[in-house]
């Protein structure tokens, strides 16, 4: 194995580790299960997850800081989605196993 392929694997391992750590909180995993491959407004996430907007926003901020999701403003709405295909693939595997919604 070359040094460059090892470095690439280390980068992927770090990314997966960071993602799994962020997803390790039950509410954050629930948010991600609701999002899946969709882009949703925060208030839709709130209604589907079933907690307060403030609580959801705090956890969305953590997911954003950990580079799991991205968000954008559309008028008065904040829309969120999973950041990249690697995270989405990881999430889809977790959804098949754990989410069942």
PDB file of N, CA and C in Angstrom:
ATOM      1  N   UNK A   1       0.850  -1.174   0.000  1.00  0.00           N
ATOM      2  CA  UNK A   1       0.000   0.000   0.000  1.00  0.00           C
ATOM      3  C   UNK A   1       0.892   1.232   0.000  1.00  0.00           C
ATOM      4  N   UNK A   2       0.606   2.158  -0.900  1.00  0.00           N
ATOM      5  CA  UNK A   2       1.429   3.363  -0.997  1.00  0.00           C
ATOM      6  C   UNK A   2       1.077   4.351   0.103  1.00  0.00           C
ATOM      7  N   UNK A   3       2.027   5.264   0.351  1.00  0.00           N
ATOM      8  CA  UNK A   3       1.790   6.292   1.374  1.00  0.00           C
ATOM      9  C   UNK A   3       0.581   7.154   1.031  1.00  0.00           C
ATOM     10  N   UNK A   4       0.386   7.444  -0.274  1.00  0.00           N
ATOM     11  CA  UNK A   4      -0.741   8.304  -0.653  1.00  0.00           C
ATOM     12  C   UNK A   4      -2.080   7.604  -0.444  1.00  0.00           C
ATOM     13  N   UNK A   5      -2.156   6.287  -0.718  1.00  0.00           N
ATOM     14  CA  UNK A   5      -3.430   5.587  -0.491  1.00  0.00           C
ATOM     15  C   UNK A   5      -3.711   5.443   0.998  1.00  0.00           C
ATOM     16  N   UNK A   6      -2.651   5.280   1.796  1.00  0.00           N
ATOM     17  CA  UNK A   6      -2.823   5.232   3.247  1.00  0.00           C
ATOM     18  C   UNK A   6      -3.330   6.576   3.760  1.00  0.00           C
ATOM     19  N   UNK A   7      -2.772   7.673   3.226  1.00  0.00           N
ATOM     20  CA  UNK A   7      -3.217   9.008   3.628  1.00  0.00           C
ATOM     21  C   UNK A   7      -4.682   9.217   3.250  1.00  0.00           C
ATOM     22  N   UNK A   8      -5.084   8.736   2.062  1.00  0.00           N
ATOM     23  CA  UNK A   8      -6.488   8.852   1.659  1.00  0.00           C
ATOM     24  C   UNK A   8      -7.376   8.058   2.599  1.00  0.00           C
ATOM     25  N   UNK A   9      -6.959   6.864   2.949  1.00  0.00           N
ATOM     26  CA  UNK A   9      -7.762   6.053   3.860  1.00  0.00           C
ATOM     27  C   UNK A   9      -7.855   6.716   5.224  1.00  0.00           C
ATOM     28  N   UNK A  10      -6.767   7.294   5.695  1.00  0.00           N
ATOM     29  CA  UNK A  10      -6.788   8.007   6.975  1.00  0.00           C
ATOM     30  C   UNK A  10      -7.798   9.152   6.929  1.00  0.00           C
ATOM     31  N   UNK A  11      -7.831   9.882   5.818  1.00  0.00           N
ATOM     32  CA  UNK A  11      -8.789  10.983   5.654  1.00  0.00           C
ATOM     33  C   UNK A  11     -10.215  10.458   5.715  1.00  0.00           C
ATOM     34  N   UNK A  12     -10.482   9.345   5.040  1.00  0.00           N
ATOM     35  CA  UNK A  12     -11.820   8.744   5.066  1.00  0.00           C
ATOM     36  C   UNK A  12     -12.179   8.231   6.448  1.00  0.00           C
ATOM     37  N   UNK A  13     -11.201   7.647   7.121  1.00  0.00           N
ATOM     38  CA  UNK A  13     -11.435   7.151   8.476  1.00  0.00           C
ATOM     39  C   UNK A  13     -11.777   8.299   9.411  1.00  0.00           C
ATOM     40  N   UNK A  14     -11.048   9.397   9.293  1.00  0.00           N
ATOM     41  CA  UNK A  14     -11.325  10.576  10.119  1.00  0.00           C
ATOM     42  C   UNK A  14     -12.724  11.114   9.833  1.00  0.00           C
ATOM     43  N   UNK A  15     -13.084  11.174   8.552  1.00  0.00           N
ATOM     44  CA  UNK A  15     -14.402  11.684   8.168  1.00  0.00           C
ATOM     45  C   UNK A  15     -15.510  10.783   8.722  1.00  0.00           C
ATOM     46  N   UNK A  16     -15.337   9.473   8.573  1.00  0.00           N
ATOM     47  CA  UNK A  16     -16.346   8.522   9.076  1.00  0.00           C
ATOM     48  C   UNK A  16     -16.442   8.598  10.593  1.00  0.00           C
ATOM     49  N   UNK A  17     -15.308   8.693  11.258  1.00  0.00           N
ATOM     50  CA  UNK A  17     -15.302   8.765  12.717  1.00  0.00           C
ATOM     51  C   UNK A  17     -16.025  10.011  13.205  1.00  0.00           C
ATOM     52  N   UNK A  18     -15.732  11.146  12.570  1.00  0.00           N
ATOM     53  CA  UNK A  18     -16.388  12.407  12.940  1.00  0.00           C
ATOM     54  C   UNK A  18     -17.895  12.325  12.693  1.00  0.00           C
ATOM     55  N   UNK A  19     -18.272  11.729  11.567  1.00  0.00           N
ATOM     56  CA  UNK A  19     -19.692  11.604  11.233  1.00  0.00           C
ATOM     57  C   UNK A  19     -20.409  10.700  12.232  1.00  0.00           C
ATOM     58  N   UNK A  20     -19.816   9.557  12.534  1.00  0.00           N
ATOM     59  CA  UNK A  20     -20.453   8.625  13.465  1.00  0.00           C
ATOM     60  C   UNK A  20     -20.576   9.219  14.862  1.00  0.00           C
ATOM     61  N   UNK A  21     -19.578   9.975  15.275  1.00  0.00           N
ATOM     62  CA  UNK A  21     -19.635  10.628  16.581  1.00  0.00           C
ATOM     63  C   UNK A  21     -20.794  11.635  16.620  1.00  0.00           C
ATOM     64  N   UNK A  22     -20.928  12.424  15.556  1.00  0.00           N
ATOM     65  CA  UNK A  22     -22.015  13.401  15.492  1.00  0.00           C
ATOM     66  C   UNK A  22     -23.373  12.717  15.431  1.00  0.00           C
ATOM     67  N   UNK A  23     -23.437  11.594  14.737  1.00  0.00           N
ATOM     68  CA  UNK A  23     -24.694  10.864  14.592  1.00  0.00           C
ATOM     69  C   UNK A  23     -25.029  10.052  15.838  1.00  0.00           C
ATOM     70  N   UNK A  24     -24.103   9.963  16.782  1.00  0.00           N
ATOM     71  CA  UNK A  24     -24.276   9.127  17.952  1.00  0.00           C
ATOM     72  C   UNK A  24     -25.344   9.582  18.927  1.00  0.00           C
ATOM     73  N   UNK A  25     -25.804  10.806  18.816  1.00  0.00           N
ATOM     74  CA  UNK A  25     -26.864  11.299  19.692  1.00  0.00           C
ATOM     75  C   UNK A  25     -28.214  10.890  19.102  1.00  0.00           C
ATOM     76  N   UNK A  26     -29.116  10.327  19.904  1.00  0.00           N
ATOM     77  CA  UNK A  26     -30.395   9.848  19.377  1.00  0.00           C
ATOM     78  C   UNK A  26     -31.186  10.900  18.594  1.00  0.00           C
ATOM     79  N   UNK A  27     -31.212  12.129  19.074  1.00  0.00           N
ATOM     80  CA  UNK A  27     -31.985  13.155  18.381  1.00  0.00           C
ATOM     81  C   UNK A  27     -31.341  13.523  17.043  1.00  0.00           C
ATOM     82  N   UNK A  28     -30.023  13.570  17.003  1.00  0.00           N
ATOM     83  CA  UNK A  28     -29.355  13.883  15.736  1.00  0.00           C
ATOM     84  C   UNK A  28     -29.560  12.763  14.726  1.00  0.00           C
ATOM     85  N   UNK A  29     -29.521  11.522  15.184  1.00  0.00           N
ATOM     86  CA  UNK A  29     -29.794  10.410  14.272  1.00  0.00           C
ATOM     87  C   UNK A  29     -31.222  10.476  13.758  1.00  0.00           C
ATOM     88  N   UNK A  30     -32.136  10.838  14.631  1.00  0.00           N
ATOM     89  CA  UNK A  30     -33.543  10.972  14.216  1.00  0.00           C
ATOM     90  C   UNK A  30     -33.692  12.076  13.170  1.00  0.00           C
ATOM     91  N   UNK A  31     -32.999  13.195  13.361  1.00  0.00           N
ATOM     92  CA  UNK A  31     -33.017  14.292  12.375  1.00  0.00           C
ATOM     93  C   UNK A  31     -32.519  13.777  11.037  1.00  0.00           C
ATOM     94  N   UNK A  32     -31.422  13.037  11.061  1.00  0.00           N
ATOM     95  CA  UNK A  32     -30.849  12.518   9.822  1.00  0.00           C
ATOM     96  C   UNK A  32     -31.748  11.482   9.175  1.00  0.00           C
ATOM     97  N   UNK A  33     -32.431  10.667   9.986  1.00  0.00           N
ATOM     98  CA  UNK A  33     -33.394   9.706   9.446  1.00  0.00           C
ATOM     99  C   UNK A  33     -34.538  10.429   8.733  1.00  0.00           C
ATOM    100  N   UNK A  34     -34.990  11.521   9.309  1.00  0.00           N
ATOM    101  CA  UNK A  34     -36.062  12.317   8.695  1.00  0.00           C
ATOM    102  C   UNK A  34     -35.573  12.956   7.395  1.00  0.00           C
ATOM    103  N   UNK A  35     -34.344  13.466   7.402  1.00  0.00           N
ATOM    104  CA  UNK A  35     -33.801  14.114   6.205  1.00  0.00           C
ATOM    105  C   UNK A  35     -33.580  13.128   5.064  1.00  0.00           C
ATOM    106  N   UNK A  36     -32.905  12.026   5.361  1.00  0.00           N
ATOM    107  CA  UNK A  36     -32.560  11.090   4.293  1.00  0.00           C
ATOM    108  C   UNK A  36     -31.891  11.825   3.152  1.00  0.00           C
ATOM    109  N   UNK A  37     -32.361  11.592   1.938  1.00  0.00           N
ATOM    110  CA  UNK A  37     -31.777  12.267   0.774  1.00  0.00           C
ATOM    111  C   UNK A  37     -32.579  13.494   0.351  1.00  0.00           C
ATOM    112  N   UNK A  38     -33.448  13.967   1.244  1.00  0.00           N
ATOM    113  CA  UNK A  38     -34.292  15.130   0.934  1.00  0.00           C
ATOM    114  C   UNK A  38     -33.702  16.410   1.524  1.00  0.00           C
ATOM    115  N   UNK A  39     -34.122  17.521   0.982  1.00  0.00           N
ATOM    116  CA  UNK A  39     -33.840  18.829   1.568  1.00  0.00           C
ATOM    117  C   UNK A  39     -35.144  19.293   2.211  1.00  0.00           C
ATOM    118  N   UNK A  40     -35.098  19.542   3.516  1.00  0.00           N
ATOM    119  CA  UNK A  40     -36.326  19.891   4.241  1.00  0.00           C
ATOM    120  C   UNK A  40     -36.162  21.176   5.032  1.00  0.00           C
ATOM    121  N   UNK A  41     -37.258  21.928   5.168  1.00  0.00           N
ATOM    122  CA  UNK A  41     -37.236  23.095   6.057  1.00  0.00           C
ATOM    123  C   UNK A  41     -37.142  22.644   7.515  1.00  0.00           C
ATOM    124  N   UNK A  42     -36.508  23.458   8.325  1.00  0.00           N
ATOM    125  CA  UNK A  42     -36.336  23.149   9.741  1.00  0.00           C
ATOM    126  C   UNK A  42     -37.685  22.841  10.392  1.00  0.00           C
ATOM    127  N   UNK A  43     -38.705  23.609  10.087  1.00  0.00           N
ATOM    128  CA  UNK A  43     -40.009  23.396  10.730  1.00  0.00           C
ATOM    129  C   UNK A  43     -40.623  22.038  10.360  1.00  0.00           C
ATOM    130  N   UNK A  44     -40.337  21.527   9.165  1.00  0.00           N
ATOM    131  CA  UNK A  44     -40.793  20.174   8.811  1.00  0.00           C
ATOM    132  C   UNK A  44     -40.058  19.136   9.655  1.00  0.00           C
ATOM    133  N   UNK A  45     -38.765  19.373   9.868  1.00  0.00           N
ATOM    134  CA  UNK A  45     -37.977  18.468  10.718  1.00  0.00           C
ATOM    135  C   UNK A  45     -38.539  18.489  12.135  1.00  0.00           C
ATOM    136  N   UNK A  46     -38.847  19.677  12.627  1.00  0.00           N
ATOM    137  CA  UNK A  46     -39.411  19.831  13.970  1.00  0.00           C
ATOM    138  C   UNK A  46     -40.698  19.017  14.098  1.00  0.00           C
ATOM    139  N   UNK A  47     -41.594  19.155  13.132  1.00  0.00           N
ATOM    140  CA  UNK A  47     -42.887  18.461  13.232  1.00  0.00           C
ATOM    141  C   UNK A  47     -42.720  16.945  13.133  1.00  0.00           C
ATOM    142  N   UNK A  48     -41.752  16.479  12.361  1.00  0.00           N
ATOM    143  CA  UNK A  48     -41.556  15.035  12.211  1.00  0.00           C
ATOM    144  C   UNK A  48     -40.778  14.421  13.366  1.00  0.00           C
ATOM    145  N   UNK A  49     -39.868  15.186  13.954  1.00  0.00           N
ATOM    146  CA  UNK A  49     -39.063  14.667  15.062  1.00  0.00           C
ATOM    147  C   UNK A  49     -39.830  14.768  16.383  1.00  0.00           C
ATOM    148  N   UNK A  50     -40.602  15.842  16.535  1.00  0.00           N
ATOM    149  CA  UNK A  50     -41.458  15.951  17.707  1.00  0.00           C
ATOM    150  C   UNK A  50     -40.811  16.555  18.934  1.00  0.00           C
ATOM    151  N   UNK A  51     -40.004  17.560  18.745  1.00  0.00           N
ATOM    152  CA  UNK A  51     -39.461  18.309  19.874  1.00  0.00           C
ATOM    153  C   UNK A  51     -39.514  19.795  19.507  1.00  0.00           C
ATOM    154  N   UNK A  52     -38.896  20.625  20.308  1.00  0.00           N
ATOM    155  CA  UNK A  52     -39.001  22.063  20.068  1.00  0.00           C
ATOM    156  C   UNK A  52     -38.091  22.517  18.931  1.00  0.00           C
ATOM    157  N   UNK A  53     -38.454  23.639  18.350  1.00  0.00           N
ATOM    158  CA  UNK A  53     -37.653  24.226  17.273  1.00  0.00           C
ATOM    159  C   UNK A  53     -36.273  24.594  17.789  1.00  0.00           C
ATOM    160  N   UNK A  54     -36.207  25.094  19.011  1.00  0.00           N
ATOM    161  CA  UNK A  54     -34.935  25.476  19.610  1.00  0.00           C
ATOM    162  C   UNK A  54     -34.011  24.265  19.757  1.00  0.00           C
ATOM    163  N   UNK A  55     -34.561  23.164  20.235  1.00  0.00           N
ATOM    164  CA  UNK A  55     -33.790  21.943  20.412  1.00  0.00           C
ATOM    165  C   UNK A  55     -33.283  21.421  19.068  1.00  0.00           C
ATOM    166  N   UNK A  56     -34.158  21.372  18.079  1.00  0.00           N
ATOM    167  CA  UNK A  56     -33.764  20.919  16.737  1.00  0.00           C
ATOM    168  C   UNK A  56     -32.674  21.825  16.173  1.00  0.00           C
ATOM    169  N   UNK A  57     -32.840  23.130  16.321  1.00  0.00           N
ATOM    170  CA  UNK A  57     -31.850  24.081  15.800  1.00  0.00           C
ATOM    171  C   UNK A  57     -30.476  23.867  16.424  1.00  0.00           C
ATOM    172  N   UNK A  58     -30.445  23.585  17.715  1.00  0.00           N
ATOM    173  CA  UNK A  58     -29.164  23.334  18.385  1.00  0.00           C
ATOM    174  C   UNK A  58     -28.479  22.097  17.801  1.00  0.00           C
ATOM    175  N   UNK A  59     -29.248  21.061  17.554  1.00  0.00           N
ATOM    176  CA  UNK A  59     -28.674  19.833  17.011  1.00  0.00           C
ATOM    177  C   UNK A  59     -28.311  19.981  15.537  1.00  0.00           C
ATOM    178  N   UNK A  60     -29.082  20.759  14.801  1.00  0.00           N
ATOM    179  CA  UNK A  60     -28.729  21.054  13.408  1.00  0.00           C
ATOM    180  C   UNK A  60     -27.411  21.821  13.365  1.00  0.00           C
ATOM    181  N   UNK A  61     -27.230  22.754  14.289  1.00  0.00           N
ATOM    182  CA  UNK A  61     -25.959  23.499  14.357  1.00  0.00           C
ATOM    183  C   UNK A  61     -24.780  22.548  14.571  1.00  0.00           C
ATOM    184  N   UNK A  62     -24.947  21.568  15.433  1.00  0.00           N
ATOM    185  CA  UNK A  62     -23.877  20.590  15.680  1.00  0.00           C
ATOM    186  C   UNK A  62     -23.597  19.780  14.416  1.00  0.00           C
ATOM    187  N   UNK A  63     -24.653  19.324  13.752  1.00  0.00           N
ATOM    188  CA  UNK A  63     -24.478  18.557  12.518  1.00  0.00           C
ATOM    189  C   UNK A  63     -23.815  19.395  11.434  1.00  0.00           C
ATOM    190  N   UNK A  64     -24.130  20.667  11.401  1.00  0.00           N
ATOM    191  CA  UNK A  64     -23.509  21.577  10.430  1.00  0.00           C
ATOM    192  C   UNK A  64     -22.032  21.791  10.767  1.00  0.00           C
ATOM    193  N   UNK A  65     -21.734  22.011  12.044  1.00  0.00           N
ATOM    194  CA  UNK A  65     -20.341  22.195  12.480  1.00  0.00           C
ATOM    195  C   UNK A  65     -19.493  20.969  12.168  1.00  0.00           C
ATOM    196  N   UNK A  66     -20.068  19.795  12.296  1.00  0.00           N
ATOM    197  CA  UNK A  66     -19.350  18.541  12.039  1.00  0.00           C
ATOM    198  C   UNK A  66     -19.364  18.167  10.559  1.00  0.00           C
ATOM    199  N   UNK A  67     -19.903  19.065   9.724  1.00  0.00           N
ATOM    200  CA  UNK A  67     -19.937  18.907   8.269  1.00  0.00           C
ATOM    201  C   UNK A  67     -20.747  17.692   7.809  1.00  0.00           C
ATOM    202  N   UNK A  68     -21.825  17.415   8.545  1.00  0.00           N
ATOM    203  CA  UNK A  68     -22.733  16.320   8.196  1.00  0.00           C
ATOM    204  C   UNK A  68     -23.861  16.839   7.311  1.00  0.00           C
ATOM    205  N   UNK A  69     -24.373  18.017   7.637  1.00  0.00           N
ATOM    206  CA  UNK A  69     -25.425  18.625   6.831  1.00  0.00           C
ATOM    207  C   UNK A  69     -25.012  20.037   6.416  1.00  0.00           C
ATOM    208  N   UNK A  70     -25.716  20.548   5.432  1.00  0.00           N
ATOM    209  CA  UNK A  70     -25.592  21.945   5.031  1.00  0.00           C
ATOM    210  C   UNK A  70     -26.984  22.548   5.089  1.00  0.00           C
ATOM    211  N   UNK A  71     -27.030  23.842   5.222  1.00  0.00           N
ATOM    212  CA  UNK A  71     -28.328  24.524   5.221  1.00  0.00           C
ATOM    213  C   UNK A  71     -28.220  25.784   4.382  1.00  0.00           C
ATOM    214  N   UNK A  72     -29.376  26.214   3.910  1.00  0.00           N
ATOM    215  CA  UNK A  72     -29.445  27.450   3.133  1.00  0.00           C
ATOM    216  C   UNK A  72     -30.769  28.126   3.431  1.00  0.00           C
ATOM    217  N   UNK A  73     -30.786  29.422   3.234  1.00  0.00           N
ATOM    218  CA  UNK A  73     -32.011  30.202   3.441  1.00  0.00           C
ATOM    219  C   UNK A  73     -32.765  30.301   2.125  1.00  0.00           C
ATOM    220  N   UNK A  74     -34.075  30.099   2.188  1.00  0.00           N
ATOM    221  CA  UNK A  74     -34.965  30.287   1.042  1.00  0.00           C
ATOM    222  C   UNK A  74     -36.135  31.122   1.539  1.00  0.00           C
ATOM    223  N   UNK A  75     -36.043  32.428   1.356  1.00  0.00           N
ATOM    224  CA  UNK A  75     -37.040  33.330   1.921  1.00  0.00           C
ATOM    225  C   UNK A  75     -36.943  33.300   3.431  1.00  0.00           C
ATOM    226  N   UNK A  76     -38.028  32.943   4.085  1.00  0.00           N
ATOM    227  CA  UNK A  76     -38.023  32.887   5.547  1.00  0.00           C
ATOM    228  C   UNK A  76     -37.696  31.490   6.076  1.00  0.00           C
ATOM    229  N   UNK A  77     -37.496  30.524   5.176  1.00  0.00           N
ATOM    230  CA  UNK A  77     -37.228  29.145   5.581  1.00  0.00           C
ATOM    231  C   UNK A  77     -35.737  28.840   5.560  1.00  0.00           C
ATOM    232  N   UNK A  78     -35.320  27.984   6.480  1.00  0.00           N
ATOM    233  CA  UNK A  78     -33.983  27.413   6.469  1.00  0.00           C
ATOM    234  C   UNK A  78     -34.143  25.969   6.019  1.00  0.00           C
ATOM    235  N   UNK A  79     -33.498  25.623   4.909  1.00  0.00           N
ATOM    236  CA  UNK A  79     -33.578  24.277   4.361  1.00  0.00           C
ATOM    237  C   UNK A  79     -32.292  23.524   4.688  1.00  0.00           C
ATOM    238  N   UNK A  80     -32.435  22.259   5.068  1.00  0.00           N
ATOM    239  CA  UNK A  80     -31.280  21.437   5.451  1.00  0.00           C
ATOM    240  C   UNK A  80     -31.238  20.186   4.587  1.00  0.00           C
ATOM    241  N   UNK A  81     -30.009  19.734   4.327  1.00  0.00           N
ATOM    242  CA  UNK A  81     -29.825  18.460   3.631  1.00  0.00           C
ATOM    243  C   UNK A  81     -28.479  17.871   4.021  1.00  0.00           C
ATOM    244  N   UNK A  82     -28.343  16.563   3.786  1.00  0.00           N
ATOM    245  CA  UNK A  82     -27.082  15.877   4.047  1.00  0.00           C
ATOM    246  C   UNK A  82     -26.035  16.427   3.087  1.00  0.00           C
ATOM    247  N   UNK A  83     -24.840  16.653   3.606  1.00  0.00           N
ATOM    248  CA  UNK A  83     -23.791  17.380   2.890  1.00  0.00           C
ATOM    249  C   UNK A  83     -23.254  16.685   1.644  1.00  0.00           C
ATOM    250  N   UNK A  84     -22.899  15.397   1.730  1.00  0.00           N
ATOM    251  CA  UNK A  84     -22.282  14.757   0.572  1.00  0.00           C
ATOM    252  C   UNK A  84     -22.678  13.298   0.457  1.00  0.00           C
ATOM    253  N   UNK A  85     -22.337  12.711  -0.678  1.00  0.00           N
ATOM    254  CA  UNK A  85     -22.787  11.364  -0.995  1.00  0.00           C
ATOM    255  C   UNK A  85     -22.184  10.320  -0.047  1.00  0.00           C
ATOM    256  N   UNK A  86     -20.973  10.525   0.436  1.00  0.00           N
ATOM    257  CA  UNK A  86     -20.388   9.563   1.374  1.00  0.00           C
ATOM    258  C   UNK A  86     -21.193   9.514   2.669  1.00  0.00           C
ATOM    259  N   UNK A  87     -21.549  10.677   3.192  1.00  0.00           N
ATOM    260  CA  UNK A  87     -22.362  10.733   4.406  1.00  0.00           C
ATOM    261  C   UNK A  87     -23.742  10.153   4.115  1.00  0.00           C
ATOM    262  N   UNK A  88     -24.290  10.468   2.954  1.00  0.00           N
ATOM    263  CA  UNK A  88     -25.607   9.946   2.579  1.00  0.00           C
ATOM    264  C   UNK A  88     -25.574   8.421   2.486  1.00  0.00           C
ATOM    265  N   UNK A  89     -24.522   7.858   1.914  1.00  0.00           N
ATOM    266  CA  UNK A  89     -24.402   6.397   1.842  1.00  0.00           C
ATOM    267  C   UNK A  89     -24.332   5.782   3.232  1.00  0.00           C
ATOM    268  N   UNK A  90     -23.543   6.395   4.106  1.00  0.00           N
ATOM    269  CA  UNK A  90     -23.458   5.929   5.491  1.00  0.00           C
ATOM    270  C   UNK A  90     -24.824   6.018   6.168  1.00  0.00           C
ATOM    271  N   UNK A  91     -25.494   7.133   5.977  1.00  0.00           N
ATOM    272  CA  UNK A  91     -26.814   7.337   6.559  1.00  0.00           C
ATOM    273  C   UNK A  91     -27.820   6.323   6.024  1.00  0.00           C
ATOM    274  N   UNK A  92     -27.777   6.059   4.718  1.00  0.00           N
ATOM    275  CA  UNK A  92     -28.717   5.106   4.135  1.00  0.00           C
ATOM    276  C   UNK A  92     -28.514   3.710   4.712  1.00  0.00           C
ATOM    277  N   UNK A  93     -27.267   3.337   4.946  1.00  0.00           N
ATOM    278  CA  UNK A  93     -27.006   2.044   5.592  1.00  0.00           C
ATOM    279  C   UNK A  93     -27.584   2.027   7.003  1.00  0.00           C
ATOM    280  N   UNK A  94     -27.401   3.116   7.720  1.00  0.00           N
ATOM    281  CA  UNK A  94     -27.947   3.208   9.072  1.00  0.00           C
ATOM    282  C   UNK A  94     -29.465   3.215   9.045  1.00  0.00           C
ATOM    283  N   UNK A  95     -30.063   3.904   8.069  1.00  0.00           N
ATOM    284  CA  UNK A  95     -31.525   3.949   7.971  1.00  0.00           C
ATOM    285  C   UNK A  95     -32.104   2.557   7.741  1.00  0.00           C
ATOM    286  N   UNK A  96     -31.487   1.802   6.853  1.00  0.00           N
ATOM    287  CA  UNK A  96     -31.958   0.438   6.574  1.00  0.00           C
ATOM    288  C   UNK A  96     -31.963  -0.400   7.834  1.00  0.00           C
ATOM    289  N   UNK A  97     -30.974  -0.161   8.675  1.00  0.00           N
ATOM    290  CA  UNK A  97     -30.826  -0.956   9.892  1.00  0.00           C
ATOM    291  C   UNK A  97     -31.665  -0.435  11.050  1.00  0.00           C
ATOM    292  N   UNK A  98     -31.724   0.909  11.207  1.00  0.00           N
ATOM    293  CA  UNK A  98     -32.272   1.471  12.445  1.00  0.00           C
ATOM    294  C   UNK A  98     -33.515   2.342  12.325  1.00  0.00           C
ATOM    295  N   UNK A  99     -33.722   3.004  11.195  1.00  0.00           N
ATOM    296  CA  UNK A  99     -34.749   4.064  11.169  1.00  0.00           C
ATOM    297  C   UNK A  99     -36.164   3.559  10.902  1.00  0.00           C
ATOM    298  N   UNK A 100     -36.356   2.758   9.912  1.00  0.00           N
ATOM    299  CA  UNK A 100     -37.660   2.186   9.591  1.00  0.00           C
ATOM    300  C   UNK A 100     -38.824   3.165   9.711  1.00  0.00           C
ATOM    301  N   UNK A 101     -38.718   4.316   9.014  1.00  0.00           N
ATOM    302  CA  UNK A 101     -39.823   5.262   9.016  1.00  0.00           C
ATOM    303  C   UNK A 101     -40.543   5.261   7.706  1.00  0.00           C
TER     304      UNK A 101
END
